[in-house]
Amino acid sequence: MRIASLLVRAQPEHVPALELSLPAIPGVEVHRTDIASGTLILTVEDGEGYAVSDSIVAVNLAQHVMAATLVYEHNDETLEPETVNSNEVA
């Protein structure tokens, strides 16, 4: 699972429209808006058929978005442990 949190900036008059339109992007959920400051806080989670990175790009390209800043990213996919060669000297 991959998840990211974004801080999105827009003109205050466009915040309500973005609050309605951004969740149409796969994996996007709006958690908080502040119309006065023109900010939205949202999360993006990966899912079947799309990646977090694709959804972040879509948020950046959404109409009325001035900026989208990555605040947090988490990836819980485990890596395969490295095998240690018994012939290696420590």
N, C-alpha and C. Protein backbone atom coordinates (compact mmCIF):
# COMPACT_ATOMS: atom_id res chain seq x y z
N MET A 1 0.84 -1.18 0.00
CA MET A 1 0.00 0.00 0.00
C MET A 1 0.88 1.23 0.00
N ARG A 2 0.52 2.17 -0.83
CA ARG A 2 1.18 3.47 -0.87
C ARG A 2 0.13 4.53 -0.60
N ILE A 3 0.51 5.52 0.19
CA ILE A 3 -0.39 6.61 0.50
C ILE A 3 0.43 7.89 0.59
N ALA A 4 -0.17 8.98 0.17
CA ALA A 4 0.50 10.27 0.23
C ALA A 4 -0.51 11.31 0.70
N SER A 5 0.01 12.37 1.29
CA SER A 5 -0.81 13.49 1.72
C SER A 5 -0.34 14.73 0.96
N LEU A 6 -1.29 15.51 0.47
CA LEU A 6 -0.98 16.70 -0.30
C LEU A 6 -1.64 17.93 0.31
N LEU A 7 -0.95 19.05 0.19
CA LEU A 7 -1.52 20.36 0.51
C LEU A 7 -1.72 21.04 -0.84
N VAL A 8 -2.96 21.36 -1.16
CA VAL A 8 -3.30 21.95 -2.45
C VAL A 8 -3.69 23.41 -2.24
N ARG A 9 -3.16 24.27 -3.11
CA ARG A 9 -3.47 25.70 -3.04
C ARG A 9 -4.26 26.11 -4.28
N ALA A 10 -5.25 26.98 -4.06
CA ALA A 10 -6.08 27.50 -5.14
C ALA A 10 -6.61 28.87 -4.72
N GLN A 11 -7.15 29.59 -5.67
CA GLN A 11 -7.83 30.84 -5.33
C GLN A 11 -9.03 30.48 -4.44
N PRO A 12 -9.29 31.26 -3.40
CA PRO A 12 -10.38 30.91 -2.47
C PRO A 12 -11.72 30.63 -3.14
N GLU A 13 -12.04 31.35 -4.20
CA GLU A 13 -13.34 31.15 -4.85
C GLU A 13 -13.44 29.80 -5.57
N HIS A 14 -12.31 29.13 -5.79
CA HIS A 14 -12.32 27.84 -6.48
C HIS A 14 -12.27 26.64 -5.53
N VAL A 15 -12.08 26.88 -4.24
CA VAL A 15 -11.97 25.78 -3.28
C VAL A 15 -13.22 24.90 -3.25
N PRO A 16 -14.44 25.47 -3.19
CA PRO A 16 -15.62 24.58 -3.17
C PRO A 16 -15.72 23.67 -4.40
N ALA A 17 -15.38 24.19 -5.57
CA ALA A 17 -15.43 23.37 -6.79
C ALA A 17 -14.38 22.27 -6.73
N LEU A 18 -13.19 22.59 -6.24
CA LEU A 18 -12.15 21.57 -6.13
C LEU A 18 -12.52 20.50 -5.10
N GLU A 19 -13.17 20.91 -4.05
CA GLU A 19 -13.59 19.95 -3.02
C GLU A 19 -14.53 18.90 -3.62
N LEU A 20 -15.30 19.31 -4.62
CA LEU A 20 -16.22 18.39 -5.28
C LEU A 20 -15.55 17.61 -6.42
N SER A 21 -14.61 18.23 -7.13
CA SER A 21 -14.05 17.59 -8.32
C SER A 21 -12.84 16.69 -8.04
N LEU A 22 -12.00 17.03 -7.07
CA LEU A 22 -10.79 16.24 -6.83
C LEU A 22 -11.06 14.78 -6.44
N PRO A 23 -12.12 14.49 -5.66
CA PRO A 23 -12.38 13.07 -5.34
C PRO A 23 -12.71 12.19 -6.55
N ALA A 24 -12.94 12.79 -7.70
CA ALA A 24 -13.16 12.00 -8.91
C ALA A 24 -11.86 11.39 -9.43
N ILE A 25 -10.73 11.90 -8.95
CA ILE A 25 -9.43 11.33 -9.32
C ILE A 25 -9.23 10.06 -8.49
N PRO A 26 -8.84 8.96 -9.12
CA PRO A 26 -8.70 7.69 -8.38
C PRO A 26 -7.80 7.81 -7.15
N GLY A 27 -8.33 7.36 -6.01
CA GLY A 27 -7.58 7.31 -4.77
C GLY A 27 -7.56 8.59 -3.97
N VAL A 28 -8.17 9.67 -4.47
CA VAL A 28 -8.11 10.97 -3.80
C VAL A 28 -9.29 11.13 -2.84
N GLU A 29 -8.96 11.59 -1.65
CA GLU A 29 -9.99 11.92 -0.65
C GLU A 29 -9.63 13.27 -0.02
N VAL A 30 -10.58 14.20 -0.04
CA VAL A 30 -10.37 15.51 0.56
C VAL A 30 -10.76 15.42 2.03
N HIS A 31 -9.83 15.84 2.90
CA HIS A 31 -10.08 15.75 4.34
C HIS A 31 -10.41 17.09 4.98
N ARG A 32 -9.87 18.16 4.43
CA ARG A 32 -10.07 19.46 5.05
C ARG A 32 -9.94 20.54 4.00
N THR A 33 -10.77 21.56 4.11
CA THR A 33 -10.65 22.72 3.24
C THR A 33 -10.69 23.98 4.08
N ASP A 34 -10.01 25.00 3.59
CA ASP A 34 -10.06 26.32 4.21
C ASP A 34 -10.23 27.32 3.07
N ILE A 35 -11.45 27.78 2.91
CA ILE A 35 -11.75 28.67 1.79
C ILE A 35 -10.98 29.97 1.92
N ALA A 36 -10.90 30.52 3.11
CA ALA A 36 -10.23 31.81 3.30
C ALA A 36 -8.78 31.79 2.85
N SER A 37 -8.07 30.70 3.12
CA SER A 37 -6.66 30.62 2.72
C SER A 37 -6.46 29.92 1.38
N GLY A 38 -7.53 29.36 0.82
CA GLY A 38 -7.42 28.68 -0.47
C GLY A 38 -6.67 27.37 -0.40
N THR A 39 -6.82 26.63 0.70
CA THR A 39 -6.09 25.38 0.85
C THR A 39 -7.03 24.19 1.02
N LEU A 40 -6.55 23.06 0.55
CA LEU A 40 -7.23 21.78 0.74
C LEU A 40 -6.17 20.78 1.18
N ILE A 41 -6.54 19.91 2.09
CA ILE A 41 -5.66 18.83 2.52
C ILE A 41 -6.31 17.53 2.06
N LEU A 42 -5.52 16.73 1.36
CA LEU A 42 -6.09 15.49 0.85
C LEU A 42 -5.09 14.36 0.93
N THR A 43 -5.62 13.15 0.83
CA THR A 43 -4.77 11.97 0.75
C THR A 43 -4.98 11.32 -0.61
N VAL A 44 -3.95 10.61 -1.04
CA VAL A 44 -3.99 9.85 -2.28
C VAL A 44 -3.51 8.45 -1.94
N GLU A 45 -4.34 7.46 -2.24
CA GLU A 45 -3.99 6.07 -1.94
C GLU A 45 -4.01 5.27 -3.23
N ASP A 46 -3.05 4.35 -3.38
CA ASP A 46 -3.01 3.54 -4.60
C ASP A 46 -4.14 2.52 -4.59
N GLY A 47 -4.40 1.99 -5.76
CA GLY A 47 -5.45 1.00 -5.89
C GLY A 47 -5.26 0.21 -7.17
N GLU A 48 -6.17 -0.67 -7.43
CA GLU A 48 -6.11 -1.52 -8.62
C GLU A 48 -6.21 -0.67 -9.88
N GLY A 49 -5.18 -0.73 -10.71
CA GLY A 49 -5.22 -0.05 -11.99
C GLY A 49 -4.69 1.37 -12.02
N TYR A 50 -4.23 1.89 -10.90
CA TYR A 50 -3.65 3.23 -10.90
C TYR A 50 -2.61 3.33 -9.79
N ALA A 51 -1.72 4.29 -9.95
CA ALA A 51 -0.65 4.50 -8.98
C ALA A 51 -0.82 5.86 -8.31
N VAL A 52 -0.28 5.97 -7.12
CA VAL A 52 -0.32 7.24 -6.39
C VAL A 52 0.28 8.35 -7.25
N SER A 53 1.38 8.05 -7.91
CA SER A 53 2.05 9.07 -8.72
C SER A 53 1.14 9.60 -9.84
N ASP A 54 0.37 8.72 -10.46
CA ASP A 54 -0.55 9.15 -11.51
C ASP A 54 -1.62 10.08 -10.95
N SER A 55 -2.13 9.75 -9.77
CA SER A 55 -3.16 10.57 -9.16
C SER A 55 -2.60 11.92 -8.71
N ILE A 56 -1.36 11.94 -8.22
CA ILE A 56 -0.74 13.21 -7.82
C ILE A 56 -0.57 14.11 -9.05
N VAL A 57 -0.15 13.55 -10.16
CA VAL A 57 -0.02 14.33 -11.39
C VAL A 57 -1.39 14.87 -11.80
N ALA A 58 -2.43 14.07 -11.70
CA ALA A 58 -3.78 14.51 -12.06
C ALA A 58 -4.24 15.65 -11.16
N VAL A 59 -3.92 15.59 -9.87
CA VAL A 59 -4.27 16.68 -8.96
C VAL A 59 -3.55 17.95 -9.40
N ASN A 60 -2.26 17.85 -9.69
CA ASN A 60 -1.49 19.01 -10.13
C ASN A 60 -2.05 19.63 -11.40
N LEU A 61 -2.59 18.80 -12.29
CA LEU A 61 -3.10 19.29 -13.57
C LEU A 61 -4.57 19.70 -13.52
N ALA A 62 -5.23 19.48 -12.38
CA ALA A 62 -6.65 19.81 -12.26
C ALA A 62 -6.87 21.32 -12.42
N GLN A 63 -7.95 21.65 -13.07
CA GLN A 63 -8.28 23.06 -13.29
C GLN A 63 -8.39 23.78 -11.95
N HIS A 64 -7.82 24.96 -11.86
CA HIS A 64 -7.82 25.85 -10.70
C HIS A 64 -6.80 25.50 -9.63
N VAL A 65 -6.08 24.39 -9.76
CA VAL A 65 -5.02 24.08 -8.79
C VAL A 65 -3.80 24.92 -9.13
N MET A 66 -3.37 25.74 -8.18
CA MET A 66 -2.17 26.56 -8.39
C MET A 66 -0.92 25.79 -8.00
N ALA A 67 -1.01 24.99 -6.93
CA ALA A 67 0.14 24.21 -6.47
C ALA A 67 -0.36 23.04 -5.64
N ALA A 68 0.38 21.95 -5.70
CA ALA A 68 0.12 20.78 -4.85
C ALA A 68 1.46 20.35 -4.27
N THR A 69 1.55 20.38 -2.95
CA THR A 69 2.79 20.06 -2.27
C THR A 69 2.67 18.71 -1.57
N LEU A 70 3.62 17.83 -1.83
CA LEU A 70 3.66 16.54 -1.15
C LEU A 70 4.10 16.77 0.29
N VAL A 71 3.25 16.39 1.23
CA VAL A 71 3.55 16.59 2.65
C VAL A 71 4.05 15.31 3.29
N TYR A 72 3.49 14.17 2.88
CA TYR A 72 3.82 12.89 3.49
C TYR A 72 3.65 11.80 2.47
N GLU A 73 4.52 10.80 2.54
CA GLU A 73 4.39 9.63 1.69
C GLU A 73 4.76 8.39 2.49
N HIS A 74 3.97 7.34 2.34
CA HIS A 74 4.23 6.09 3.04
C HIS A 74 4.12 4.93 2.05
N ASN A 75 5.03 4.00 2.17
CA ASN A 75 5.02 2.80 1.35
C ASN A 75 5.30 1.64 2.27
N ASP A 76 4.35 0.74 2.42
CA ASP A 76 4.57 -0.40 3.33
C ASP A 76 4.90 -1.69 2.58
N GLU A 77 5.24 -1.57 1.30
CA GLU A 77 5.67 -2.76 0.56
C GLU A 77 7.04 -3.15 1.10
N THR A 78 7.13 -4.37 1.56
CA THR A 78 8.39 -4.82 2.15
C THR A 78 9.38 -5.21 1.07
N LEU A 79 10.62 -4.94 1.34
CA LEU A 79 11.68 -5.33 0.43
C LEU A 79 12.19 -6.71 0.80
N GLU A 80 12.64 -7.43 -0.18
CA GLU A 80 13.24 -8.73 0.08
C GLU A 80 14.54 -8.51 0.85
N PRO A 81 14.78 -9.26 1.91
CA PRO A 81 16.03 -9.07 2.65
C PRO A 81 17.22 -9.49 1.78
N GLU A 82 18.30 -8.74 1.93
CA GLU A 82 19.51 -9.07 1.18
C GLU A 82 20.08 -10.36 1.71
N THR A 83 20.53 -11.19 0.81
CA THR A 83 21.20 -12.42 1.25
C THR A 83 22.67 -12.11 1.47
N VAL A 84 23.20 -12.62 2.52
CA VAL A 84 24.60 -12.38 2.85
C VAL A 84 25.40 -13.58 2.39
N ASN A 85 26.45 -13.30 1.66
CA ASN A 85 27.33 -14.34 1.16
C ASN A 85 28.22 -14.77 2.32
N SER A 86 28.21 -16.03 2.66
CA SER A 86 28.99 -16.53 3.80
C SER A 86 30.50 -16.38 3.58
N ASN A 87 30.91 -16.15 2.33
CA ASN A 87 32.33 -15.99 2.05
C ASN A 87 32.81 -14.55 2.26
N GLU A 88 31.86 -13.63 2.48
CA GLU A 88 32.25 -12.23 2.67
C GLU A 88 32.84 -12.06 4.07
N VAL A 89 33.83 -11.22 4.17
CA VAL A 89 34.45 -10.92 5.44
C VAL A 89 33.85 -9.63 5.99
N ALA A 90 33.47 -9.65 7.24
CA ALA A 90 32.83 -8.48 7.85
C ALA A 90 33.81 -7.37 8.10
